[in-house]
Amino acid sequence: MTPVVIVPGLGGSGETHWQTHLQRSLPNAIRVQQDDWQRPDLTRWVERLARTVEARQGAILVAHSLGCPLVAHLARQRPDLSIKGAMLVAPADVDSARHTPSHTRGFAPIPLRPLPFRSIVVASTNDPYIAIERARELAAAWNAEFVDAGPVGHINVEAGFGPWTEGVHMMNSLIAWADARPAKPWNLPRLAVGTR
């Protein structure tokens, strides 16, 4: 089975977060561990994520919030890594002072080049940390499929997301796709935009 790397955002993902539930349900999933989840440092976070991915060649990354721009930075800085895919949920717009706190600004600017692996961006129409139009722009820049999750907030515990059935279905579909393919760069044309 294709390995899965859970990539939390600012503060990490607690015991009731959908990422934690997803990790428990997947026998081949591990979580990247940062030294300080409250004080994001781009260089250190990228290094830690890179080491985790090196130990899980051909992984699928499952990122939330600040973890999404982190994945984009990783792809830009470490194109040598073997990554099969990514599910990028509720990306935090660190380029926007209106949407994200100042201590995340070290992750700006968000890289806007196509990701070299299959990616899905899932975003909400009323996420306080990113405008839906901006989420669509990021998905297009990353050559990712886009899923409009509707008005569901930041897709976190505060928004009512513990176990997340739709997220599990998306992840299982991505794993099934990855299991059928060798680890190599994702360079096919972008797939059609999906909706919830």
Protein backbone atom coordinates (compact mmCIF):
# COMPACT_ATOMS: atom_id res chain seq x y z
CA MET A 1 0.00 0.00 0.00
CA THR A 2 1.21 3.51 -0.82
CA PRO A 3 2.54 5.23 2.33
CA VAL A 4 0.78 8.33 3.63
CA VAL A 5 2.39 11.30 5.39
CA ILE A 6 0.10 13.52 7.48
CA VAL A 7 1.18 17.19 7.32
CA PRO A 8 -0.58 19.31 9.96
CA GLY A 9 -0.67 23.09 9.98
CA LEU A 10 -0.15 25.69 12.68
CA GLY A 11 -0.67 24.19 16.14
CA GLY A 12 -0.55 20.62 14.84
CA SER A 13 -3.69 18.52 14.61
CA GLY A 14 -5.16 17.41 17.93
CA GLU A 15 -6.73 14.15 18.98
CA THR A 16 -10.14 14.96 17.47
CA HIS A 17 -8.92 16.51 14.18
CA TRP A 18 -9.86 14.75 10.94
CA GLN A 19 -6.15 14.25 10.15
CA THR A 20 -5.74 12.28 13.37
CA HIS A 21 -8.80 10.14 12.63
CA LEU A 22 -7.50 9.54 9.10
CA GLN A 23 -4.05 8.58 10.38
CA ARG A 24 -5.55 6.04 12.79
CA SER A 25 -7.57 4.47 9.98
CA LEU A 26 -4.59 3.97 7.65
CA PRO A 27 -2.02 1.34 8.64
CA ASN A 28 0.64 2.88 6.41
CA ALA A 29 0.28 6.49 7.65
CA ILE A 30 2.75 8.50 9.71
CA ARG A 31 2.75 12.13 10.79
CA VAL A 32 5.54 14.62 10.30
CA GLN A 33 6.69 15.88 13.71
CA GLN A 34 7.78 19.50 14.01
CA ASP A 35 9.74 20.78 17.00
CA ASP A 36 7.36 23.66 17.64
CA TRP A 37 3.86 23.66 16.16
CA GLN A 38 3.17 27.16 17.50
CA ARG A 39 6.20 28.88 15.96
CA PRO A 40 6.39 27.92 12.29
CA ASP A 41 9.83 28.16 10.74
CA LEU A 42 9.88 27.47 7.02
CA THR A 43 13.45 26.17 6.80
CA ARG A 44 13.09 23.80 9.74
CA TRP A 45 9.61 22.65 8.75
CA VAL A 46 10.70 21.89 5.17
CA GLU A 47 13.75 19.99 6.44
CA ARG A 48 11.67 17.89 8.83
CA LEU A 49 9.07 17.14 6.17
CA ALA A 50 11.78 16.23 3.66
CA ARG A 51 13.33 13.75 6.11
CA THR A 52 9.94 12.20 6.74
CA VAL A 53 9.25 11.83 3.02
CA GLU A 54 12.72 10.38 2.43
CA ALA A 55 11.76 7.60 4.83
CA ARG A 56 8.46 7.05 2.97
CA GLN A 57 9.39 7.09 -0.71
CA GLY A 58 6.43 7.36 -3.08
CA ALA A 59 4.15 8.72 -0.36
CA ILE A 60 0.91 10.64 -0.58
CA LEU A 61 0.97 13.81 1.53
CA VAL A 62 -2.18 14.87 3.38
CA ALA A 63 -1.82 18.52 4.35
CA HIS A 64 -4.07 20.94 6.20
CA SER A 65 -3.93 24.73 6.40
CA LEU A 66 -0.29 25.91 6.78
CA GLY A 67 0.76 22.41 5.76
CA CYS A 68 -0.42 23.17 2.20
CA PRO A 69 2.04 25.99 1.43
CA LEU A 70 4.65 23.86 3.22
CA VAL A 71 4.10 21.11 0.64
CA ALA A 72 4.44 23.66 -2.19
CA HIS A 73 7.74 24.86 -0.72
CA LEU A 74 8.95 21.27 -0.33
CA ALA A 75 8.14 20.53 -3.98
CA ARG A 76 10.08 23.62 -5.09
CA GLN A 77 13.11 22.99 -2.88
CA ARG A 78 13.31 19.19 -3.15
CA PRO A 79 12.23 18.09 -6.64
CA ASP A 80 14.32 14.94 -6.12
CA LEU A 81 11.88 13.49 -3.58
CA SER A 82 9.61 10.66 -4.65
CA ILE A 83 6.03 11.79 -3.95
CA LYS A 84 3.03 10.22 -5.66
CA GLY A 85 0.34 12.68 -4.68
CA ALA A 86 -1.09 15.17 -2.23
CA MET A 87 -4.45 16.08 -0.74
CA LEU A 88 -4.23 19.76 0.23
CA VAL A 89 -7.11 20.77 2.48
CA ALA A 90 -8.06 24.33 3.46
CA PRO A 91 -4.78 25.97 2.39
CA ALA A 92 -3.80 28.97 4.50
CA ASP A 93 -3.17 32.07 2.38
CA VAL A 94 0.05 33.20 4.03
CA ASP A 95 0.44 35.87 1.34
CA SER A 96 -2.60 37.68 2.78
CA ALA A 97 -2.27 39.74 5.97
CA ARG A 98 -6.08 39.87 6.03
CA HIS A 99 -6.47 36.11 6.20
CA THR A 100 -3.53 34.74 8.19
CA PRO A 101 -1.59 35.77 11.32
CA SER A 102 1.75 37.55 11.09
CA HIS A 103 3.76 34.64 12.50
CA THR A 104 2.91 32.57 9.40
CA ARG A 105 4.26 35.22 7.03
CA GLY A 106 7.62 33.44 6.86
CA PHE A 107 5.92 30.92 4.53
CA ALA A 108 5.22 33.67 1.96
CA PRO A 109 5.31 33.89 -0.93
CA ILE A 110 3.52 30.66 -1.74
CA PRO A 111 5.25 28.92 -4.69
CA LEU A 112 2.97 29.08 -7.73
CA ARG A 113 4.52 26.48 -9.98
CA PRO A 114 2.88 23.16 -10.96
CA LEU A 115 3.42 20.42 -8.40
CA PRO A 116 5.29 17.43 -9.89
CA PHE A 117 2.76 14.96 -8.49
CA ARG A 118 -1.00 14.51 -8.63
CA SER A 119 -2.72 16.91 -6.24
CA ILE A 120 -6.22 17.73 -5.01
CA VAL A 121 -7.06 21.04 -3.34
CA VAL A 122 -10.14 21.02 -1.11
CA ALA A 123 -11.42 24.43 -0.03
CA SER A 124 -14.43 25.99 1.67
CA THR A 125 -16.41 28.97 0.40
CA ASN A 126 -16.29 30.67 3.83
CA ASP A 127 -12.85 29.74 5.15
CA PRO A 128 -11.53 32.64 7.26
CA TYR A 129 -7.95 31.82 6.24
CA ILE A 130 -8.38 31.98 2.45
CA ALA A 131 -10.85 33.37 -0.08
CA ILE A 132 -12.38 30.71 -2.32
CA GLU A 133 -11.15 32.57 -5.42
CA ARG A 134 -7.60 32.45 -4.08
CA ALA A 135 -7.93 28.73 -3.34
CA ARG A 136 -8.97 28.19 -6.96
CA GLU A 137 -5.95 30.24 -8.11
CA LEU A 138 -3.61 28.09 -6.03
CA ALA A 139 -5.14 24.90 -7.40
CA ALA A 140 -4.71 26.16 -10.97
CA ALA A 141 -1.10 27.25 -10.33
CA TRP A 142 -0.30 23.88 -8.76
CA ASN A 143 -2.02 22.00 -11.62
CA ALA A 144 -4.27 20.42 -9.00
CA GLU A 145 -7.82 19.18 -9.12
CA PHE A 146 -10.16 21.44 -7.16
CA VAL A 147 -12.97 20.41 -4.82
CA ASP A 148 -15.39 23.07 -3.57
CA ALA A 149 -16.46 21.79 -0.14
CA GLY A 150 -19.17 24.43 0.28
CA PRO A 151 -19.62 26.76 3.27
CA VAL A 152 -17.89 24.57 5.89
CA GLY A 153 -15.37 26.94 7.49
CA HIS A 154 -11.72 25.96 7.87
CA ILE A 155 -12.38 22.21 7.69
CA ASN A 156 -11.07 21.70 11.22
CA VAL A 157 -12.40 20.70 14.63
CA GLU A 158 -13.86 24.16 15.29
CA ALA A 159 -15.82 23.85 12.04
CA GLY A 160 -17.20 20.47 13.14
CA PHE A 161 -14.69 18.19 11.40
CA GLY A 162 -13.62 15.20 13.46
CA PRO A 163 -14.13 12.02 11.44
CA TRP A 164 -14.58 13.24 7.85
CA THR A 165 -16.26 10.71 5.57
CA GLU A 166 -15.83 12.67 2.35
CA GLY A 167 -12.14 13.22 3.11
CA VAL A 168 -11.67 9.50 3.72
CA HIS A 169 -13.34 8.71 0.37
CA MET A 170 -11.07 11.18 -1.46
CA MET A 171 -8.02 9.76 0.29
CA ASN A 172 -8.97 6.16 -0.48
CA SER A 173 -9.47 7.06 -4.15
CA LEU A 174 -6.07 8.74 -4.26
CA ILE A 175 -4.42 5.75 -2.58
CA ALA A 176 -6.08 3.33 -5.03
CA TRP A 177 -4.84 5.47 -7.93
CA ALA A 178 -1.32 5.62 -6.47
CA ASP A 179 -1.19 1.89 -5.70
CA ALA A 180 -1.73 1.19 -9.40
CA ARG A 181 1.16 3.40 -10.54
CA PRO A 182 4.93 3.48 -10.10
CA ALA A 183 6.46 6.45 -8.28
CA LYS A 184 7.29 8.94 -11.02
CA PRO A 185 6.55 12.61 -11.69
CA TRP A 186 2.92 13.54 -12.26
CA ASN A 187 3.02 15.30 -15.62
CA LEU A 188 -0.36 14.58 -17.17
CA PRO A 189 -2.80 17.38 -18.00
CA ARG A 190 -4.91 18.68 -15.14
CA LEU A 191 -8.11 16.73 -14.65
CA ALA A 192 -11.55 18.29 -14.71
CA VAL A 193 -12.56 20.46 -11.79
CA GLY A 194 -14.62 18.51 -9.28
CA THR A 195 -17.26 19.72 -6.87
CA ARG A 196 -18.68 18.31 -3.69
